[in-house]
N, C-alpha and C. Protein backbone atom coordinates (compact mmCIF):
# COMPACT_ATOMS: atom_id res chain seq x y z
N UNK A 1 171.48 3.75 112.98
CA UNK A 1 172.81 3.49 112.59
C UNK A 1 173.67 3.37 113.84
N UNK A 2 174.46 2.41 113.78
CA UNK A 2 175.34 2.12 114.93
C UNK A 2 176.75 2.47 114.49
N UNK A 3 177.40 3.17 115.39
CA UNK A 3 178.76 3.58 115.10
C UNK A 3 179.69 2.91 116.10
N UNK A 4 180.71 2.31 115.58
CA UNK A 4 181.67 1.61 116.46
C UNK A 4 183.00 2.33 116.33
N UNK A 5 183.52 2.75 117.47
CA UNK A 5 184.78 3.46 117.52
C UNK A 5 185.70 2.74 118.48
N UNK A 6 186.83 2.21 117.97
CA UNK A 6 187.75 1.44 118.79
C UNK A 6 188.89 2.27 119.34
N UNK A 7 188.85 3.49 119.19
CA UNK A 7 189.90 4.34 119.71
C UNK A 7 189.74 4.50 121.20
N UNK A 8 190.87 4.73 121.88
CA UNK A 8 190.75 4.93 123.32
C UNK A 8 189.97 6.22 123.61
N UNK A 9 189.37 6.31 124.72
CA UNK A 9 188.52 7.44 125.04
C UNK A 9 189.25 8.76 125.06
N UNK A 10 190.54 8.81 125.29
CA UNK A 10 191.26 10.07 125.32
C UNK A 10 191.41 10.64 123.91
N UNK A 11 191.52 9.76 122.95
CA UNK A 11 191.76 10.18 121.59
C UNK A 11 190.43 10.43 120.86
N UNK A 12 189.45 9.85 121.34
CA UNK A 12 188.15 9.98 120.67
C UNK A 12 187.70 11.44 120.68
N UNK A 13 187.17 11.83 119.56
CA UNK A 13 186.61 13.16 119.49
C UNK A 13 185.21 13.10 120.04
N UNK A 14 184.99 14.03 120.81
CA UNK A 14 183.65 14.08 121.36
C UNK A 14 182.83 15.03 120.50
N UNK A 15 181.70 14.57 120.21
CA UNK A 15 180.78 15.43 119.46
C UNK A 15 180.14 16.37 120.44
N UNK A 16 180.24 17.60 120.10
CA UNK A 16 179.63 18.55 121.02
C UNK A 16 178.44 19.21 120.33
N UNK A 17 177.44 19.37 121.00
CA UNK A 17 176.25 20.03 120.52
C UNK A 17 176.48 21.54 120.56
N UNK A 18 175.91 22.20 119.58
CA UNK A 18 176.11 23.65 119.60
C UNK A 18 175.47 24.25 120.84
N UNK A 19 176.11 25.23 121.33
CA UNK A 19 175.64 25.86 122.54
C UNK A 19 174.71 27.03 122.13
N UNK A 20 173.53 26.94 122.57
CA UNK A 20 172.55 27.98 122.29
C UNK A 20 172.48 28.85 123.53
N UNK A 21 172.76 30.13 123.32
CA UNK A 21 172.69 30.99 124.49
C UNK A 21 171.27 31.06 125.01
N UNK A 22 171.14 31.20 126.26
CA UNK A 22 169.81 31.25 126.85
C UNK A 22 169.16 32.58 126.47
N UNK A 23 167.91 32.54 126.11
CA UNK A 23 167.15 33.72 125.76
C UNK A 23 167.15 34.03 124.27
N UNK A 24 167.93 33.28 123.46
CA UNK A 24 167.96 33.53 122.03
C UNK A 24 166.62 33.19 121.39
N UNK A 25 166.01 32.13 121.80
CA UNK A 25 164.70 31.75 121.26
C UNK A 25 163.66 32.81 121.57
N UNK A 26 163.72 33.39 122.73
CA UNK A 26 162.77 34.43 123.12
C UNK A 26 163.00 35.67 122.26
N UNK A 27 164.27 35.99 122.01
CA UNK A 27 164.58 37.16 121.18
C UNK A 27 164.07 36.96 119.74
N UNK A 28 164.29 35.78 119.19
CA UNK A 28 163.81 35.50 117.83
C UNK A 28 162.29 35.56 117.78
N UNK A 29 161.65 34.95 118.75
CA UNK A 29 160.19 34.94 118.80
C UNK A 29 159.65 36.35 118.93
N UNK A 30 160.24 37.15 119.81
CA UNK A 30 159.75 38.51 120.00
C UNK A 30 160.01 39.37 118.75
N UNK A 31 161.12 39.13 118.05
CA UNK A 31 161.41 39.87 116.83
C UNK A 31 160.39 39.54 115.74
N UNK A 32 160.08 38.24 115.59
CA UNK A 32 159.08 37.83 114.60
C UNK A 32 157.72 38.44 114.93
N UNK A 33 157.34 38.41 116.19
CA UNK A 33 156.06 38.99 116.61
C UNK A 33 156.05 40.50 116.34
N UNK A 34 157.17 41.18 116.63
CA UNK A 34 157.24 42.62 116.40
C UNK A 34 157.11 42.94 114.90
N UNK A 35 157.75 42.13 114.06
CA UNK A 35 157.64 42.34 112.61
C UNK A 35 156.21 42.13 112.15
N UNK A 36 155.58 41.06 112.62
CA UNK A 36 154.19 40.79 112.24
C UNK A 36 153.25 41.92 112.70
N UNK A 37 153.47 42.38 113.94
CA UNK A 37 152.64 43.47 114.45
C UNK A 37 152.88 44.74 113.62
N UNK A 38 154.12 45.02 113.25
CA UNK A 38 154.44 46.18 112.42
C UNK A 38 153.77 46.10 111.06
N UNK A 39 153.82 44.92 110.44
CA UNK A 39 153.16 44.74 109.14
C UNK A 39 151.66 44.96 109.26
N UNK A 40 151.05 44.44 110.31
CA UNK A 40 149.61 44.63 110.53
C UNK A 40 149.27 46.11 110.74
N UNK A 41 150.14 46.82 111.48
CA UNK A 41 149.88 48.25 111.70
C UNK A 41 149.97 49.03 110.37
N UNK A 42 150.95 48.70 109.55
CA UNK A 42 151.07 49.38 108.26
C UNK A 42 149.84 49.10 107.40
N UNK A 43 149.40 47.84 107.38
CA UNK A 43 148.20 47.49 106.60
C UNK A 43 146.98 48.23 107.14
N UNK A 44 146.84 48.32 108.46
CA UNK A 44 145.71 49.04 109.05
C UNK A 44 145.78 50.53 108.69
N UNK A 45 146.96 51.13 108.71
CA UNK A 45 147.10 52.54 108.35
C UNK A 45 146.72 52.76 106.87
N UNK A 46 147.16 51.85 106.01
CA UNK A 46 146.81 51.97 104.59
C UNK A 46 145.31 51.85 104.40
N UNK A 47 144.68 50.91 105.09
CA UNK A 47 143.22 50.75 104.98
C UNK A 47 142.50 52.00 105.51
N UNK A 48 142.99 52.55 106.62
CA UNK A 48 142.37 53.74 107.19
C UNK A 48 142.50 54.94 106.23
N UNK A 49 143.67 55.11 105.63
CA UNK A 49 143.87 56.19 104.67
C UNK A 49 142.98 56.00 103.44
N UNK A 50 142.82 54.76 102.99
CA UNK A 50 141.94 54.47 101.85
C UNK A 50 140.49 54.81 102.17
N UNK A 51 140.06 54.48 103.40
CA UNK A 51 138.69 54.81 103.79
C UNK A 51 138.49 56.33 103.86
N UNK A 52 139.48 57.06 104.35
CA UNK A 52 139.37 58.52 104.39
C UNK A 52 139.29 59.10 102.97
N UNK A 53 140.13 58.60 102.07
CA UNK A 53 140.11 59.08 100.70
C UNK A 53 138.79 58.74 100.03
N UNK A 54 138.27 57.54 100.25
CA UNK A 54 136.98 57.15 99.69
C UNK A 54 135.87 58.04 100.24
N UNK A 55 135.93 58.37 101.52
CA UNK A 55 134.94 59.27 102.11
C UNK A 55 134.98 60.66 101.47
N UNK A 56 136.20 61.17 101.20
CA UNK A 56 136.31 62.48 100.55
C UNK A 56 135.74 62.43 99.13
N UNK A 57 136.02 61.36 98.40
CA UNK A 57 135.48 61.23 97.05
C UNK A 57 133.96 61.13 97.06
N UNK A 58 133.42 60.36 98.00
CA UNK A 58 131.96 60.26 98.11
C UNK A 58 131.34 61.61 98.42
N UNK A 59 132.00 62.39 99.27
CA UNK A 59 131.48 63.71 99.61
C UNK A 59 131.45 64.61 98.37
N UNK A 60 132.52 64.57 97.56
CA UNK A 60 132.56 65.38 96.34
C UNK A 60 131.47 64.94 95.37
N UNK A 61 131.27 63.64 95.25
CA UNK A 61 130.24 63.13 94.33
C UNK A 61 128.86 63.57 94.78
N UNK A 62 128.59 63.49 96.08
CA UNK A 62 127.26 63.90 96.56
C UNK A 62 127.06 65.41 96.41
N UNK A 63 128.15 66.20 96.49
CA UNK A 63 128.02 67.64 96.28
C UNK A 63 127.70 67.95 94.82
N UNK A 64 128.27 67.19 93.90
CA UNK A 64 128.09 67.46 92.47
C UNK A 64 126.87 66.76 91.88
N UNK A 65 126.31 65.83 92.56
CA UNK A 65 125.18 65.08 92.02
C UNK A 65 123.99 65.97 91.67
N UNK A 66 123.59 66.93 92.51
CA UNK A 66 122.46 67.78 92.11
C UNK A 66 122.74 68.56 90.82
N UNK A 67 123.98 69.01 90.66
CA UNK A 67 124.33 69.73 89.44
C UNK A 67 124.24 68.81 88.22
N UNK A 68 124.74 67.61 88.37
CA UNK A 68 124.71 66.69 87.22
C UNK A 68 123.27 66.30 86.89
N UNK A 69 122.43 66.14 87.91
CA UNK A 69 121.01 65.86 87.65
C UNK A 69 120.34 67.05 86.97
N UNK A 70 120.72 68.26 87.38
CA UNK A 70 120.16 69.46 86.75
C UNK A 70 120.62 69.56 85.30
N UNK A 71 121.90 69.27 85.06
CA UNK A 71 122.43 69.30 83.69
C UNK A 71 121.72 68.27 82.84
N UNK A 72 121.51 67.09 83.38
CA UNK A 72 120.82 66.03 82.64
C UNK A 72 119.40 66.46 82.30
N UNK A 73 118.71 67.07 83.25
CA UNK A 73 117.33 67.51 82.97
C UNK A 73 117.31 68.63 81.93
N UNK A 74 118.28 69.55 81.99
CA UNK A 74 118.34 70.63 81.00
C UNK A 74 118.64 70.05 79.61
N UNK A 75 119.57 69.10 79.55
CA UNK A 75 119.90 68.47 78.26
C UNK A 75 118.69 67.74 77.68
N UNK A 76 117.95 67.04 78.53
CA UNK A 76 116.77 66.34 78.01
C UNK A 76 115.71 67.35 77.56
N UNK A 77 115.59 68.47 78.26
CA UNK A 77 114.66 69.52 77.83
C UNK A 77 115.06 70.12 76.49
N UNK A 78 116.35 70.34 76.31
CA UNK A 78 116.84 70.88 75.03
C UNK A 78 116.59 69.89 73.91
N UNK A 79 116.85 68.62 74.19
CA UNK A 79 116.63 67.58 73.17
C UNK A 79 115.15 67.52 72.79
N UNK A 80 114.27 67.63 73.78
CA UNK A 80 112.84 67.60 73.51
C UNK A 80 112.43 68.80 72.66
N UNK A 81 112.98 69.99 72.98
CA UNK A 81 112.66 71.19 72.20
C UNK A 81 113.19 71.08 70.77
N UNK A 82 114.37 70.49 70.60
CA UNK A 82 114.91 70.30 69.25
C UNK A 82 114.03 69.35 68.44
N UNK A 83 113.55 68.29 69.09
CA UNK A 83 112.65 67.36 68.40
C UNK A 83 111.35 68.06 68.00
N UNK A 84 110.80 68.89 68.91
CA UNK A 84 109.58 69.64 68.58
C UNK A 84 109.84 70.62 67.43
N UNK A 85 111.01 71.27 67.45
CA UNK A 85 111.36 72.20 66.37
C UNK A 85 111.46 71.47 65.04
N UNK A 86 112.03 70.27 65.05
CA UNK A 86 112.14 69.48 63.82
C UNK A 86 110.76 69.11 63.29
N UNK A 87 109.85 68.75 64.19
CA UNK A 87 108.49 68.42 63.77
C UNK A 87 107.80 69.65 63.19
N UNK A 88 107.96 70.79 63.83
CA UNK A 88 107.34 72.02 63.33
C UNK A 88 107.92 72.40 61.98
N UNK A 89 109.24 72.25 61.82
CA UNK A 89 109.87 72.55 60.53
C UNK A 89 109.34 71.63 59.43
N UNK A 90 109.11 70.37 59.78
CA UNK A 90 108.57 69.44 58.78
C UNK A 90 107.13 69.82 58.41
N UNK A 91 106.35 70.24 59.39
CA UNK A 91 104.96 70.58 59.12
C UNK A 91 104.84 71.85 58.28
N UNK A 92 105.61 72.85 58.62
CA UNK A 92 105.47 74.15 57.96
C UNK A 92 106.53 74.42 56.91
N UNK A 93 107.50 73.56 56.81
CA UNK A 93 108.57 73.79 55.85
C UNK A 93 109.49 74.88 56.35
N UNK A 94 110.55 75.10 55.60
CA UNK A 94 111.50 76.13 55.98
C UNK A 94 110.90 77.49 55.66
N UNK A 95 110.88 78.35 56.64
CA UNK A 95 110.32 79.67 56.46
C UNK A 95 111.43 80.68 56.26
N UNK A 96 111.18 81.57 55.35
CA UNK A 96 112.12 82.64 55.07
C UNK A 96 111.55 83.91 55.67
N UNK A 97 112.35 84.63 56.40
CA UNK A 97 111.91 85.88 57.03
C UNK A 97 112.16 87.00 56.02
N UNK A 98 111.08 87.39 55.33
CA UNK A 98 111.21 88.37 54.26
C UNK A 98 111.36 89.79 54.78
N UNK A 99 110.91 90.07 55.96
CA UNK A 99 111.06 91.43 56.50
C UNK A 99 112.54 91.79 56.61
N UNK A 100 113.34 90.84 57.08
CA UNK A 100 114.78 91.08 57.19
C UNK A 100 115.42 91.25 55.81
N UNK A 101 114.99 90.42 54.86
CA UNK A 101 115.54 90.49 53.51
C UNK A 101 115.16 91.82 52.83
N UNK A 102 113.92 92.27 53.02
CA UNK A 102 113.50 93.54 52.43
C UNK A 102 114.24 94.71 53.07
N UNK A 103 114.55 94.60 54.36
CA UNK A 103 115.32 95.64 55.03
C UNK A 103 116.73 95.71 54.44
N UNK A 104 117.35 94.56 54.23
CA UNK A 104 118.69 94.53 53.61
C UNK A 104 118.61 95.09 52.19
N UNK A 105 117.55 94.73 51.47
CA UNK A 105 117.37 95.21 50.11
C UNK A 105 117.27 96.74 50.07
N UNK A 106 116.49 97.31 50.98
CA UNK A 106 116.33 98.77 51.00
C UNK A 106 117.63 99.45 51.41
N UNK A 107 118.42 98.81 52.30
CA UNK A 107 119.71 99.39 52.70
C UNK A 107 120.74 99.33 51.57
N UNK A 108 120.62 98.34 50.69
CA UNK A 108 121.61 98.13 49.63
C UNK A 108 121.33 98.93 48.37
N UNK A 109 120.15 99.51 48.24
CA UNK A 109 119.80 100.24 47.01
C UNK A 109 120.60 101.53 46.93
N UNK A 110 121.43 101.67 45.89
CA UNK A 110 122.18 102.92 45.73
C UNK A 110 121.31 103.99 45.07
N UNK A 111 121.76 105.20 45.13
CA UNK A 111 121.04 106.29 44.46
C UNK A 111 121.08 106.05 42.96
N UNK A 112 119.95 106.16 42.30
CA UNK A 112 119.88 105.95 40.86
C UNK A 112 119.21 104.65 40.48
N UNK A 113 118.86 103.81 41.43
CA UNK A 113 118.15 102.57 41.13
C UNK A 113 116.75 102.68 41.72
N UNK A 114 115.77 102.36 40.87
CA UNK A 114 114.36 102.41 41.28
C UNK A 114 113.79 101.00 41.14
N UNK A 115 113.15 100.53 42.20
CA UNK A 115 112.53 99.20 42.15
C UNK A 115 111.16 99.32 41.51
N UNK A 116 110.90 98.41 40.57
CA UNK A 116 109.62 98.44 39.87
C UNK A 116 108.69 97.33 40.35
N UNK A 117 109.21 96.12 40.45
CA UNK A 117 108.35 94.99 40.76
C UNK A 117 109.15 93.94 41.53
N UNK A 118 108.44 93.33 42.47
CA UNK A 118 109.02 92.28 43.29
C UNK A 118 108.13 91.06 43.14
N UNK A 119 108.65 89.97 42.58
CA UNK A 119 107.85 88.77 42.33
C UNK A 119 108.42 87.63 43.16
N UNK A 120 107.52 86.92 43.84
CA UNK A 120 107.95 85.82 44.69
C UNK A 120 107.00 84.65 44.52
N UNK A 121 107.56 83.49 44.20
CA UNK A 121 106.78 82.24 44.14
C UNK A 121 107.43 81.26 45.10
N UNK A 122 106.98 80.01 45.06
CA UNK A 122 107.53 78.99 45.96
C UNK A 122 109.02 78.75 45.71
N UNK A 123 109.45 78.85 44.46
CA UNK A 123 110.83 78.52 44.13
C UNK A 123 111.61 79.67 43.51
N UNK A 124 110.95 80.75 43.15
CA UNK A 124 111.61 81.80 42.38
C UNK A 124 111.46 83.16 43.05
N UNK A 125 112.53 83.93 42.99
CA UNK A 125 112.56 85.31 43.44
C UNK A 125 112.95 86.16 42.24
N UNK A 126 112.22 87.23 41.99
CA UNK A 126 112.55 88.09 40.87
C UNK A 126 112.35 89.54 41.30
N UNK A 127 113.31 90.38 40.90
CA UNK A 127 113.28 91.79 41.24
C UNK A 127 113.50 92.57 39.95
N UNK A 128 112.50 93.36 39.56
CA UNK A 128 112.61 94.18 38.36
C UNK A 128 112.85 95.61 38.81
N UNK A 129 113.84 96.25 38.19
CA UNK A 129 114.19 97.60 38.61
C UNK A 129 114.72 98.39 37.41
N UNK A 130 114.92 99.68 37.65
CA UNK A 130 115.43 100.58 36.62
C UNK A 130 116.61 101.35 37.20
N UNK A 131 117.67 101.47 36.38
CA UNK A 131 118.85 102.23 36.80
C UNK A 131 118.93 103.50 35.96
N UNK A 132 119.15 104.62 36.65
CA UNK A 132 119.25 105.91 35.99
C UNK A 132 120.53 106.57 36.48
N UNK A 133 121.33 107.07 35.52
CA UNK A 133 122.55 107.76 35.90
C UNK A 133 122.86 108.83 34.87
N UNK A 134 123.23 109.99 35.33
CA UNK A 134 123.59 111.08 34.42
C UNK A 134 125.02 110.90 33.90
N UNK A 135 125.80 110.05 34.56
CA UNK A 135 127.18 109.81 34.17
C UNK A 135 127.30 108.62 33.22
N UNK A 136 126.21 108.01 32.86
CA UNK A 136 126.17 106.83 31.98
C UNK A 136 126.91 105.64 32.58
N UNK A 137 126.79 105.46 33.88
CA UNK A 137 127.40 104.29 34.51
C UNK A 137 126.32 103.40 35.16
N UNK A 138 125.25 103.20 34.41
CA UNK A 138 124.14 102.38 34.91
C UNK A 138 124.59 100.94 35.18
N UNK A 139 125.42 100.40 34.28
CA UNK A 139 125.86 99.00 34.45
C UNK A 139 126.71 98.84 35.70
N UNK A 140 127.52 99.84 36.01
CA UNK A 140 128.32 99.81 37.22
C UNK A 140 127.42 99.84 38.45
N UNK A 141 126.38 100.66 38.43
CA UNK A 141 125.40 100.72 39.53
C UNK A 141 124.73 99.37 39.74
N UNK A 142 124.31 98.76 38.64
CA UNK A 142 123.62 97.47 38.72
C UNK A 142 124.55 96.40 39.28
N UNK A 143 125.77 96.38 38.79
CA UNK A 143 126.75 95.38 39.24
C UNK A 143 127.07 95.54 40.73
N UNK A 144 127.29 96.76 41.17
CA UNK A 144 127.59 96.98 42.59
C UNK A 144 126.38 96.65 43.47
N UNK A 145 125.18 96.94 42.97
CA UNK A 145 123.96 96.60 43.71
C UNK A 145 123.85 95.09 43.90
N UNK A 146 124.07 94.33 42.83
CA UNK A 146 124.00 92.87 42.91
C UNK A 146 125.10 92.31 43.82
N UNK A 147 126.30 92.85 43.71
CA UNK A 147 127.40 92.40 44.57
C UNK A 147 127.11 92.69 46.04
N UNK A 148 126.52 93.85 46.33
CA UNK A 148 126.16 94.19 47.70
C UNK A 148 125.13 93.21 48.26
N UNK A 149 124.17 92.82 47.44
CA UNK A 149 123.15 91.85 47.90
C UNK A 149 123.78 90.48 48.18
N UNK A 150 124.73 90.09 47.34
CA UNK A 150 125.38 88.78 47.53
C UNK A 150 126.31 88.77 48.74
N UNK A 151 126.85 89.91 49.11
CA UNK A 151 127.78 89.98 50.23
C UNK A 151 127.10 89.86 51.58
N UNK A 152 125.82 90.16 51.67
CA UNK A 152 125.11 90.15 52.95
C UNK A 152 124.48 88.77 53.15
N UNK A 153 124.99 88.00 54.13
CA UNK A 153 124.45 86.65 54.34
C UNK A 153 122.98 86.64 54.75
N UNK A 154 122.53 87.68 55.42
CA UNK A 154 121.12 87.74 55.84
C UNK A 154 120.19 87.75 54.63
N UNK A 155 120.68 88.26 53.51
CA UNK A 155 119.86 88.28 52.30
C UNK A 155 120.13 87.07 51.42
N UNK A 156 121.38 86.77 51.18
CA UNK A 156 121.77 85.78 50.16
C UNK A 156 121.70 84.33 50.64
N UNK A 157 121.61 84.09 51.94
CA UNK A 157 121.71 82.73 52.48
C UNK A 157 120.59 81.79 52.02
N UNK A 158 119.42 82.29 51.70
CA UNK A 158 118.30 81.43 51.32
C UNK A 158 118.17 81.24 49.80
N UNK A 159 119.17 81.68 49.05
CA UNK A 159 119.13 81.55 47.59
C UNK A 159 120.18 80.55 47.13
N UNK A 160 119.81 79.72 46.13
CA UNK A 160 120.80 78.87 45.49
C UNK A 160 121.70 79.72 44.61
N UNK A 161 121.08 80.66 43.91
CA UNK A 161 121.82 81.54 43.02
C UNK A 161 121.04 82.83 42.89
N UNK A 162 121.76 83.91 42.68
CA UNK A 162 121.15 85.22 42.47
C UNK A 162 121.96 85.88 41.36
N UNK A 163 121.28 86.16 40.23
CA UNK A 163 122.03 86.66 39.07
C UNK A 163 121.20 87.68 38.31
N UNK A 164 121.92 88.43 37.50
CA UNK A 164 121.31 89.40 36.60
C UNK A 164 120.77 88.63 35.39
N UNK A 165 119.47 88.68 35.16
CA UNK A 165 118.86 87.86 34.11
C UNK A 165 118.61 88.61 32.81
N UNK A 166 118.21 89.85 32.90
CA UNK A 166 117.96 90.59 31.65
C UNK A 166 118.29 92.06 31.85
N UNK A 167 118.73 92.67 30.75
CA UNK A 167 119.05 94.10 30.73
C UNK A 167 118.45 94.68 29.45
N UNK A 168 117.80 95.83 29.59
CA UNK A 168 117.20 96.46 28.42
C UNK A 168 117.36 97.98 28.55
N UNK A 169 117.94 98.58 27.54
CA UNK A 169 118.15 100.03 27.54
C UNK A 169 116.96 100.72 26.87
N UNK A 170 116.62 101.91 27.40
CA UNK A 170 115.58 102.73 26.78
C UNK A 170 115.82 104.18 27.18
N UNK A 171 115.13 105.05 26.56
CA UNK A 171 115.31 106.49 26.83
C UNK A 171 114.00 107.08 27.33
N UNK A 172 114.12 107.90 28.33
CA UNK A 172 112.98 108.67 28.82
C UNK A 172 113.39 110.13 28.59
N UNK A 173 112.69 110.76 27.62
CA UNK A 173 113.05 112.10 27.14
C UNK A 173 114.52 112.05 26.69
N UNK A 174 115.41 112.78 27.29
CA UNK A 174 116.81 112.78 26.82
C UNK A 174 117.70 111.92 27.71
N UNK A 175 117.14 111.26 28.69
CA UNK A 175 117.93 110.49 29.66
C UNK A 175 117.82 109.01 29.32
N UNK A 176 118.97 108.37 29.25
CA UNK A 176 118.99 106.93 28.98
C UNK A 176 118.88 106.18 30.31
N UNK A 177 118.00 105.16 30.35
CA UNK A 177 117.80 104.33 31.54
C UNK A 177 117.99 102.88 31.15
N UNK A 178 118.26 102.05 32.16
CA UNK A 178 118.45 100.62 31.94
C UNK A 178 117.47 99.87 32.83
N UNK A 179 116.59 99.09 32.19
CA UNK A 179 115.69 98.21 32.94
C UNK A 179 116.41 96.87 33.10
N UNK A 180 116.38 96.33 34.31
CA UNK A 180 117.07 95.05 34.54
C UNK A 180 116.24 94.18 35.45
N UNK A 181 116.60 92.90 35.44
CA UNK A 181 115.89 91.90 36.23
C UNK A 181 116.93 91.07 36.97
N UNK A 182 116.80 91.00 38.29
CA UNK A 182 117.64 90.12 39.11
C UNK A 182 116.74 88.97 39.57
N UNK A 183 117.19 87.75 39.32
CA UNK A 183 116.37 86.59 39.67
C UNK A 183 117.23 85.58 40.40
N UNK A 184 116.55 84.75 41.18
CA UNK A 184 117.27 83.71 41.92
C UNK A 184 116.34 82.59 42.32
N UNK A 185 116.92 81.39 42.47
CA UNK A 185 116.16 80.24 42.95
C UNK A 185 116.28 80.18 44.47
N UNK A 186 115.18 79.90 45.11
CA UNK A 186 115.17 79.78 46.57
C UNK A 186 115.61 78.40 46.97
N UNK A 187 116.34 78.30 48.09
CA UNK A 187 116.72 76.99 48.63
C UNK A 187 115.48 76.27 49.10
N UNK A 188 115.44 74.98 48.88
CA UNK A 188 114.27 74.20 49.31
C UNK A 188 114.51 73.58 50.65
């Protein structure tokens, strides 16, 4: 583009270029370099801190690894034993520990009750007994005896039901006695 100005040189405006102080370019350049170096140092510090934290975490993991391996082996051993127990239970069926039940039975017998017969089959439990009381409270004795047996989980847990099945009164000389039968179905 060509510019034509017919004004006399005294009146003409002279275009002046902006005056750049000497050394300003060096200051700007050095400031940019300082900022870049600062950013790089911050990034390096963050990376260094991350590596230290990762090292601490790795150390904790390696310290706990033997314990976790031990826990895993114990859990697998327990699982194997549970599987073996399930197989044994299937082979032999559910076993009832009668020694414990007979011990509970002997502890629960009140004075005045005499056991006559104990019958046990695969599915049925039957107990025949006689109640004797001089106060004529044989039925109360029988009821409390049955309630005591039902209250003890060690005895009652393997039964579906345990109930008084039959009662029969009779006299021996001048004393009245009550023959009774407690029966129950065994859990399968």
